[in-house]
Structures are given as structure tokens and as C-alpha cells.
């Protein structure tokens, strides 16, 4: 059976979903549009490109596979949010709270994440090429096979972050940034490979 796609436009929010999700998504987008919050909402696969969501409360919301290209999420609450395979290229996420969020396989190329809280976040297989992470808190974050090439990490905190089989090639960071980071199979900014902490780590599941 062929399913058509429903397109929903509410203020600055645009979503396209299959009909089976449409009712819940419309209700959730109305809530978000009216109150700028949608805590624990289901917004999977929503198209929210260029949406104006600054200071929105999306705590523990499910935005997996959603499109948020060039969206403004500055100062947003995304603590514990699910953003697996989300498309966030060129998104504005400065000062946002992404503590404990799941961003596995997300596309965050050129995203602006200055001073964002990404502590304990899952960034495995995430593409962060060219992103601005200056001043961001990545303490305890999981960065397995993460592409951090050409990122700005000046002033970022990576204490106890797991940076495994990841690339930091051409990244800009302070000399002490990686002192308390766990490195294994990681390509450093100068192109050399670091296995400094491999003996301390278990292999990923």
C-alpha cells in the first residue's frame, strides 16, 4: 500500500510525516508552536528546517531522524533528547543544554555549539566536521568513531570523554584540552594516531 505524506506548517515549523504519525505530530507541533516547549514529545522524522526554536524546552523529546537544517535552537533545553540520525547541519545550538542527549549518527556539520552542554552525550558515529564547539562541555561524552575534523574546540572541556577511533584532524584546540580525555585509535589534529589510553578501555558493543 502506498502512503502519501502529510505536510504540516505551523508558524515557523514545517513537518512532513506519514499519516500514521500525523495526528500526534500535529498536536505536538501545536504545543511547541504555542508554548515553545514540548517535553518528552514524539517528533520523529519531522521536518523543522530553519525553525525558530530558540529557548525551546524539548527535554527528553524524541527527534530521531528529524531534519533541523539551519534551525535556531540557541539556549534550547534538549537534555536527554533523542536525536539519533537527526540532520542538524548549520544549526544554531549555542548555549543549548544537550546533557545526556543521544546524537548517535547525527549530522552536525558546521553546527554552532559554542558553550553548549554536551556532557554525557552520545556522539558516536556523529559527523561534526567544521562545527564550532568552542567553550562546549563534552565531559563524559561518548565519541566513538566521531568525525571532529576541522572543528573549533578552543576552551572546550573533554574531561573523561571517550574519543575512540575518532578524527580530530585539523581541529583547533588548546594544548591541554585532551589531557584528561581517553584516546584510542584517534587521529590528532596533526594527523598522527594516538593509542594513549587503549589499554584502559573496553571495546564498544
C-alpha atoms as a PDB file:
ATOM      1  CA  UNK A   1       0.000   0.000   0.000  1.00  0.00           C
ATOM      2  CA  UNK A   2       1.358   3.412  -0.977  1.00  0.00           C
ATOM      3  CA  UNK A   3       1.331   6.012   1.766  1.00  0.00           C
ATOM      4  CA  UNK A   4       1.139   9.671   0.891  1.00  0.00           C
ATOM      5  CA  UNK A   5       2.937  12.229   3.044  1.00  0.00           C
ATOM      6  CA  UNK A   6       1.196  14.893   5.067  1.00  0.00           C
ATOM      7  CA  UNK A   7       2.807  18.318   5.157  1.00  0.00           C
ATOM      8  CA  UNK A   8       2.128  20.459   8.222  1.00  0.00           C
ATOM      9  CA  UNK A   9       3.036  24.111   8.623  1.00  0.00           C
ATOM     10  CA  UNK A  10       2.571  25.825  11.966  1.00  0.00           C
ATOM     11  CA  UNK A  11       4.130  29.260  12.305  1.00  0.00           C
ATOM     12  CA  UNK A  12       7.818  28.692  11.605  1.00  0.00           C
ATOM     13  CA  UNK A  13       7.514  24.931  11.996  1.00  0.00           C
ATOM     14  CA  UNK A  14       7.284  22.643   8.981  1.00  0.00           C
ATOM     15  CA  UNK A  15       6.817  18.905   9.291  1.00  0.00           C
ATOM     16  CA  UNK A  16       6.221  16.174   6.747  1.00  0.00           C
ATOM     17  CA  UNK A  17       5.184  12.769   8.050  1.00  0.00           C
ATOM     18  CA  UNK A  18       3.269   9.681   7.051  1.00  0.00           C
ATOM     19  CA  UNK A  19      -0.415   9.731   8.070  1.00  0.00           C
ATOM     20  CA  UNK A  20       0.040   7.191  10.868  1.00  0.00           C
ATOM     21  CA  UNK A  21       2.096   9.768  12.776  1.00  0.00           C
ATOM     22  CA  UNK A  22       0.297  12.870  11.583  1.00  0.00           C
ATOM     23  CA  UNK A  23      -2.228  13.329  14.387  1.00  0.00           C
ATOM     24  CA  UNK A  24       0.319  13.072  17.210  1.00  0.00           C
ATOM     25  CA  UNK A  25       2.814  15.208  15.350  1.00  0.00           C
ATOM     26  CA  UNK A  26       0.279  17.957  14.635  1.00  0.00           C
ATOM     27  CA  UNK A  27      -0.697  18.058  18.300  1.00  0.00           C
ATOM     28  CA  UNK A  28       2.911  18.149  19.422  1.00  0.00           C
ATOM     29  CA  UNK A  29       3.846  20.843  16.917  1.00  0.00           C
ATOM     30  CA  UNK A  30       0.884  22.941  18.022  1.00  0.00           C
ATOM     31  CA  UNK A  31       2.115  22.648  21.599  1.00  0.00           C
ATOM     32  CA  UNK A  32       5.611  23.617  20.547  1.00  0.00           C
ATOM     33  CA  UNK A  33       4.373  26.472  18.386  1.00  0.00           C
ATOM     34  CA  UNK A  34       2.146  27.936  21.099  1.00  0.00           C
ATOM     35  CA  UNK A  35       4.275  27.448  24.198  1.00  0.00           C
ATOM     36  CA  UNK A  36       7.775  26.923  22.755  1.00  0.00           C
ATOM     37  CA  UNK A  37       8.002  23.655  24.651  1.00  0.00           C
ATOM     38  CA  UNK A  38       7.262  20.009  24.050  1.00  0.00           C
ATOM     39  CA  UNK A  39       8.729  17.928  26.855  1.00  0.00           C
ATOM     40  CA  UNK A  40       9.021  14.181  26.086  1.00  0.00           C
ATOM     41  CA  UNK A  41       7.215  14.740  22.785  1.00  0.00           C
ATOM     42  CA  UNK A  42       7.395  12.415  19.806  1.00  0.00           C
ATOM     43  CA  UNK A  43       8.707  14.378  16.840  1.00  0.00           C
ATOM     44  CA  UNK A  44      10.441  11.618  14.907  1.00  0.00           C
ATOM     45  CA  UNK A  45      11.216  12.343  11.245  1.00  0.00           C
ATOM     46  CA  UNK A  46       9.742  15.846  11.472  1.00  0.00           C
ATOM     47  CA  UNK A  47      10.993  18.450   9.009  1.00  0.00           C
ATOM     48  CA  UNK A  48      11.894  21.508  11.083  1.00  0.00           C
ATOM     49  CA  UNK A  49      14.380  23.141   8.755  1.00  0.00           C
ATOM     50  CA  UNK A  50      15.083  26.776   9.663  1.00  0.00           C
ATOM     51  CA  UNK A  51      12.618  26.535  12.552  1.00  0.00           C
ATOM     52  CA  UNK A  52      12.845  29.277  15.181  1.00  0.00           C
ATOM     53  CA  UNK A  53      13.193  27.310  18.403  1.00  0.00           C
ATOM     54  CA  UNK A  54      15.484  29.495  20.488  1.00  0.00           C
ATOM     55  CA  UNK A  55      14.996  28.779  24.210  1.00  0.00           C
ATOM     56  CA  UNK A  56      12.556  25.962  23.419  1.00  0.00           C
ATOM     57  CA  UNK A  57      12.135  23.232  26.024  1.00  0.00           C
ATOM     58  CA  UNK A  58      12.493  19.887  24.273  1.00  0.00           C
ATOM     59  CA  UNK A  59      13.710  17.947  27.289  1.00  0.00           C
ATOM     60  CA  UNK A  60      13.716  14.193  26.532  1.00  0.00           C
ATOM     61  CA  UNK A  61      11.881  14.774  23.249  1.00  0.00           C
ATOM     62  CA  UNK A  62      12.308  12.168  20.509  1.00  0.00           C
ATOM     63  CA  UNK A  63      13.633  13.952  17.419  1.00  0.00           C
ATOM     64  CA  UNK A  64      15.276  10.930  15.857  1.00  0.00           C
ATOM     65  CA  UNK A  65      15.687  11.182  12.071  1.00  0.00           C
ATOM     66  CA  UNK A  66      14.294  14.722  12.146  1.00  0.00           C
ATOM     67  CA  UNK A  67      15.537  17.492   9.860  1.00  0.00           C
ATOM     68  CA  UNK A  68      16.659  20.661  11.623  1.00  0.00           C
ATOM     69  CA  UNK A  69      18.868  22.151   8.940  1.00  0.00           C
ATOM     70  CA  UNK A  70      19.834  25.750   9.846  1.00  0.00           C
ATOM     71  CA  UNK A  71      17.322  25.675  12.722  1.00  0.00           C
ATOM     72  CA  UNK A  72      17.766  28.137  15.579  1.00  0.00           C
ATOM     73  CA  UNK A  73      17.985  26.188  18.838  1.00  0.00           C
ATOM     74  CA  UNK A  74      20.117  28.663  20.761  1.00  0.00           C
ATOM     75  CA  UNK A  75      19.672  28.340  24.534  1.00  0.00           C
ATOM     76  CA  UNK A  76      17.293  25.405  23.982  1.00  0.00           C
ATOM     77  CA  UNK A  77      16.703  22.711  26.583  1.00  0.00           C
ATOM     78  CA  UNK A  78      17.446  19.368  24.919  1.00  0.00           C
ATOM     79  CA  UNK A  79      18.557  17.451  27.992  1.00  0.00           C
ATOM     80  CA  UNK A  80      18.168  13.722  27.399  1.00  0.00           C
ATOM     81  CA  UNK A  81      16.688  14.298  23.935  1.00  0.00           C
ATOM     82  CA  UNK A  82      16.884  11.569  21.285  1.00  0.00           C
ATOM     83  CA  UNK A  83      18.441  12.936  18.103  1.00  0.00           C
ATOM     84  CA  UNK A  84      19.648   9.718  16.509  1.00  0.00           C
ATOM     85  CA  UNK A  85      20.337  10.278  12.781  1.00  0.00           C
ATOM     86  CA  UNK A  86      18.985  13.825  13.034  1.00  0.00           C
ATOM     87  CA  UNK A  87      20.132  16.326  10.410  1.00  0.00           C
ATOM     88  CA  UNK A  88      21.400  19.462  12.133  1.00  0.00           C
ATOM     89  CA  UNK A  89      23.750  20.905   9.548  1.00  0.00           C
ATOM     90  CA  UNK A  90      24.396  24.621  10.103  1.00  0.00           C
ATOM     91  CA  UNK A  91      22.051  24.628  13.112  1.00  0.00           C
ATOM     92  CA  UNK A  92      22.431  27.254  15.839  1.00  0.00           C
ATOM     93  CA  UNK A  93      22.838  25.427  19.155  1.00  0.00           C
ATOM     94  CA  UNK A  94      24.978  27.844  21.140  1.00  0.00           C
ATOM     95  CA  UNK A  95      24.377  27.732  24.903  1.00  0.00           C
ATOM     96  CA  UNK A  96      21.954  24.824  24.458  1.00  0.00           C
ATOM     97  CA  UNK A  97      21.645  22.072  27.064  1.00  0.00           C
ATOM     98  CA  UNK A  98      22.221  18.674  25.450  1.00  0.00           C
ATOM     99  CA  UNK A  99      23.376  16.901  28.591  1.00  0.00           C
ATOM    100  CA  UNK A 100      22.838  13.163  28.197  1.00  0.00           C
ATOM    101  CA  UNK A 101      21.308  13.580  24.731  1.00  0.00           C
ATOM    102  CA  UNK A 102      21.656  10.781  22.175  1.00  0.00           C
ATOM    103  CA  UNK A 103      23.115  12.250  18.984  1.00  0.00           C
ATOM    104  CA  UNK A 104      24.438   8.995  17.539  1.00  0.00           C
ATOM    105  CA  UNK A 105      24.850   9.144  13.745  1.00  0.00           C
ATOM    106  CA  UNK A 106      23.582  12.721  13.664  1.00  0.00           C
ATOM    107  CA  UNK A 107      24.795  15.191  11.043  1.00  0.00           C
ATOM    108  CA  UNK A 108      26.096  18.291  12.837  1.00  0.00           C
ATOM    109  CA  UNK A 109      28.398  19.620  10.163  1.00  0.00           C
ATOM    110  CA  UNK A 110      29.137  23.318  10.672  1.00  0.00           C
ATOM    111  CA  UNK A 111      26.734  23.472  13.615  1.00  0.00           C
ATOM    112  CA  UNK A 112      27.265  26.287  16.096  1.00  0.00           C
ATOM    113  CA  UNK A 113      27.648  24.712  19.527  1.00  0.00           C
ATOM    114  CA  UNK A 114      29.543  27.403  21.399  1.00  0.00           C
ATOM    115  CA  UNK A 115      29.250  26.955  25.181  1.00  0.00           C
ATOM    116  CA  UNK A 116      26.768  24.104  24.696  1.00  0.00           C
ATOM    117  CA  UNK A 117      26.405  21.475  27.410  1.00  0.00           C
ATOM    118  CA  UNK A 118      27.121  18.108  25.783  1.00  0.00           C
ATOM    119  CA  UNK A 119      28.256  16.363  28.942  1.00  0.00           C
ATOM    120  CA  UNK A 120      27.454  12.622  28.973  1.00  0.00           C
ATOM    121  CA  UNK A 121      26.040  12.922  25.443  1.00  0.00           C
ATOM    122  CA  UNK A 122      26.281  10.053  22.971  1.00  0.00           C
ATOM    123  CA  UNK A 123      28.053  11.366  19.880  1.00  0.00           C
ATOM    124  CA  UNK A 124      29.058   8.005  18.423  1.00  0.00           C
ATOM    125  CA  UNK A 125      29.356   7.966  14.616  1.00  0.00           C
ATOM    126  CA  UNK A 126      28.329  11.627  14.603  1.00  0.00           C
ATOM    127  CA  UNK A 127      29.587  13.982  11.887  1.00  0.00           C
ATOM    128  CA  UNK A 128      30.775  17.248  13.457  1.00  0.00           C
ATOM    129  CA  UNK A 129      33.105  18.411  10.703  1.00  0.00           C
ATOM    130  CA  UNK A 130      33.593  22.151  10.785  1.00  0.00           C
ATOM    131  CA  UNK A 131      31.404  22.604  13.880  1.00  0.00           C
ATOM    132  CA  UNK A 132      32.130  25.337  16.415  1.00  0.00           C
ATOM    133  CA  UNK A 133      32.424  23.686  19.830  1.00  0.00           C
ATOM    134  CA  UNK A 134      34.404  26.452  21.483  1.00  0.00           C
ATOM    135  CA  UNK A 135      33.700  26.575  25.196  1.00  0.00           C
ATOM    136  CA  UNK A 136      31.448  23.494  24.988  1.00  0.00           C
ATOM    137  CA  UNK A 137      31.281  20.972  27.832  1.00  0.00           C
ATOM    138  CA  UNK A 138      31.873  17.460  26.486  1.00  0.00           C
ATOM    139  CA  UNK A 139      32.891  15.901  29.786  1.00  0.00           C
ATOM    140  CA  UNK A 140      31.992  12.227  29.923  1.00  0.00           C
ATOM    141  CA  UNK A 141      30.709  12.270  26.333  1.00  0.00           C
ATOM    142  CA  UNK A 142      30.970   9.184  24.121  1.00  0.00           C
ATOM    143  CA  UNK A 143      32.818   9.970  20.900  1.00  0.00           C
ATOM    144  CA  UNK A 144      33.253   6.556  19.278  1.00  0.00           C
ATOM    145  CA  UNK A 145      34.089   6.913  15.548  1.00  0.00           C
ATOM    146  CA  UNK A 146      33.104  10.584  15.694  1.00  0.00           C
ATOM    147  CA  UNK A 147      34.301  12.903  12.928  1.00  0.00           C
ATOM    148  CA  UNK A 148      35.610  16.066  14.594  1.00  0.00           C
ATOM    149  CA  UNK A 149      37.810  17.151  11.698  1.00  0.00           C
ATOM    150  CA  UNK A 150      38.293  20.918  11.375  1.00  0.00           C
ATOM    151  CA  UNK A 151      36.213  21.644  14.482  1.00  0.00           C
ATOM    152  CA  UNK A 152      36.850  24.569  16.826  1.00  0.00           C
ATOM    153  CA  UNK A 153      37.425  23.121  20.296  1.00  0.00           C
ATOM    154  CA  UNK A 154      39.144  26.119  21.878  1.00  0.00           C
ATOM    155  CA  UNK A 155      38.136  26.257  25.529  1.00  0.00           C
ATOM    156  CA  UNK A 156      36.114  23.036  25.275  1.00  0.00           C
ATOM    157  CA  UNK A 157      36.086  20.621  28.221  1.00  0.00           C
ATOM    158  CA  UNK A 158      36.600  16.932  27.383  1.00  0.00           C
ATOM    159  CA  UNK A 159      37.323  15.544  30.845  1.00  0.00           C
ATOM    160  CA  UNK A 160      36.697  11.772  30.857  1.00  0.00           C
ATOM    161  CA  UNK A 161      35.287  11.903  27.323  1.00  0.00           C
ATOM    162  CA  UNK A 162      35.845   8.698  25.325  1.00  0.00           C
ATOM    163  CA  UNK A 163      37.395   9.628  21.973  1.00  0.00           C
ATOM    164  CA  UNK A 164      37.821   6.289  20.234  1.00  0.00           C
ATOM    165  CA  UNK A 165      38.579   5.663  16.542  1.00  0.00           C
ATOM    166  CA  UNK A 166      37.625   9.298  16.019  1.00  0.00           C
ATOM    167  CA  UNK A 167      39.171  12.030  13.892  1.00  0.00           C
ATOM    168  CA  UNK A 168      40.402  15.359  15.242  1.00  0.00           C
ATOM    169  CA  UNK A 169      42.367  16.118  12.086  1.00  0.00           C
ATOM    170  CA  UNK A 170      42.871  19.868  11.617  1.00  0.00           C
ATOM    171  CA  UNK A 171      40.796  20.606  14.716  1.00  0.00           C
ATOM    172  CA  UNK A 172      41.702  23.753  16.636  1.00  0.00           C
ATOM    173  CA  UNK A 173      42.167  23.177  20.359  1.00  0.00           C
ATOM    174  CA  UNK A 174      44.316  24.180  23.290  1.00  0.00           C
ATOM    175  CA  UNK A 175      47.366  22.035  24.043  1.00  0.00           C
ATOM    176  CA  UNK A 176      45.882  20.831  27.349  1.00  0.00           C
ATOM    177  CA  UNK A 177      42.351  20.065  26.069  1.00  0.00           C
ATOM    178  CA  UNK A 178      42.998  16.318  25.677  1.00  0.00           C
ATOM    179  CA  UNK A 179      44.985  15.833  28.891  1.00  0.00           C
ATOM    180  CA  UNK A 180      42.106  14.132  30.752  1.00  0.00           C
ATOM    181  CA  UNK A 181      40.444  12.637  27.679  1.00  0.00           C
ATOM    182  CA  UNK A 182      40.527   8.906  26.918  1.00  0.00           C
ATOM    183  CA  UNK A 183      42.103   8.423  23.488  1.00  0.00           C
ATOM    184  CA  UNK A 184      42.304   5.232  21.444  1.00  0.00           C
ATOM    185  CA  UNK A 185      42.776   4.952  17.702  1.00  0.00           C
ATOM    186  CA  UNK A 186      42.222   8.702  17.496  1.00  0.00           C
ATOM    187  CA  UNK A 187      43.609  10.858  14.716  1.00  0.00           C
ATOM    188  CA  UNK A 188      45.057  14.018  16.280  1.00  0.00           C
ATOM    189  CA  UNK A 189      44.999  17.495  14.684  1.00  0.00           C
ATOM    190  CA  UNK A 190      48.450  16.977  13.141  1.00  0.00           C
ATOM    191  CA  UNK A 191      47.361  13.701  11.526  1.00  0.00           C
ATOM    192  CA  UNK A 192      49.188  11.382  13.914  1.00  0.00           C
ATOM    193  CA  UNK A 193      47.394   8.472  15.573  1.00  0.00           C
ATOM    194  CA  UNK A 194      47.041   8.239  19.353  1.00  0.00           C
ATOM    195  CA  UNK A 195      46.509   4.949  21.195  1.00  0.00           C
ATOM    196  CA  UNK A 196      47.413   6.511  24.531  1.00  0.00           C
ATOM    197  CA  UNK A 197      44.572   5.022  26.575  1.00  0.00           C
ATOM    198  CA  UNK A 198      43.607   1.880  24.640  1.00  0.00           C
ATOM    199  CA  UNK A 199      44.669  -0.408  27.473  1.00  0.00           C
ATOM    200  CA  UNK A 200      42.148   1.277  29.794  1.00  0.00           C
ATOM    201  CA  UNK A 201      39.151   0.934  27.512  1.00  0.00           C
ATOM    202  CA  UNK A 202      36.692  -1.796  26.674  1.00  0.00           C
ATOM    203  CA  UNK A 203      35.727  -2.216  23.063  1.00  0.00           C
ATOM    204  CA  UNK A 204      32.297  -0.791  22.038  1.00  0.00           C
ATOM    205  CA  UNK A 205      29.328  -3.112  21.985  1.00  0.00           C
END
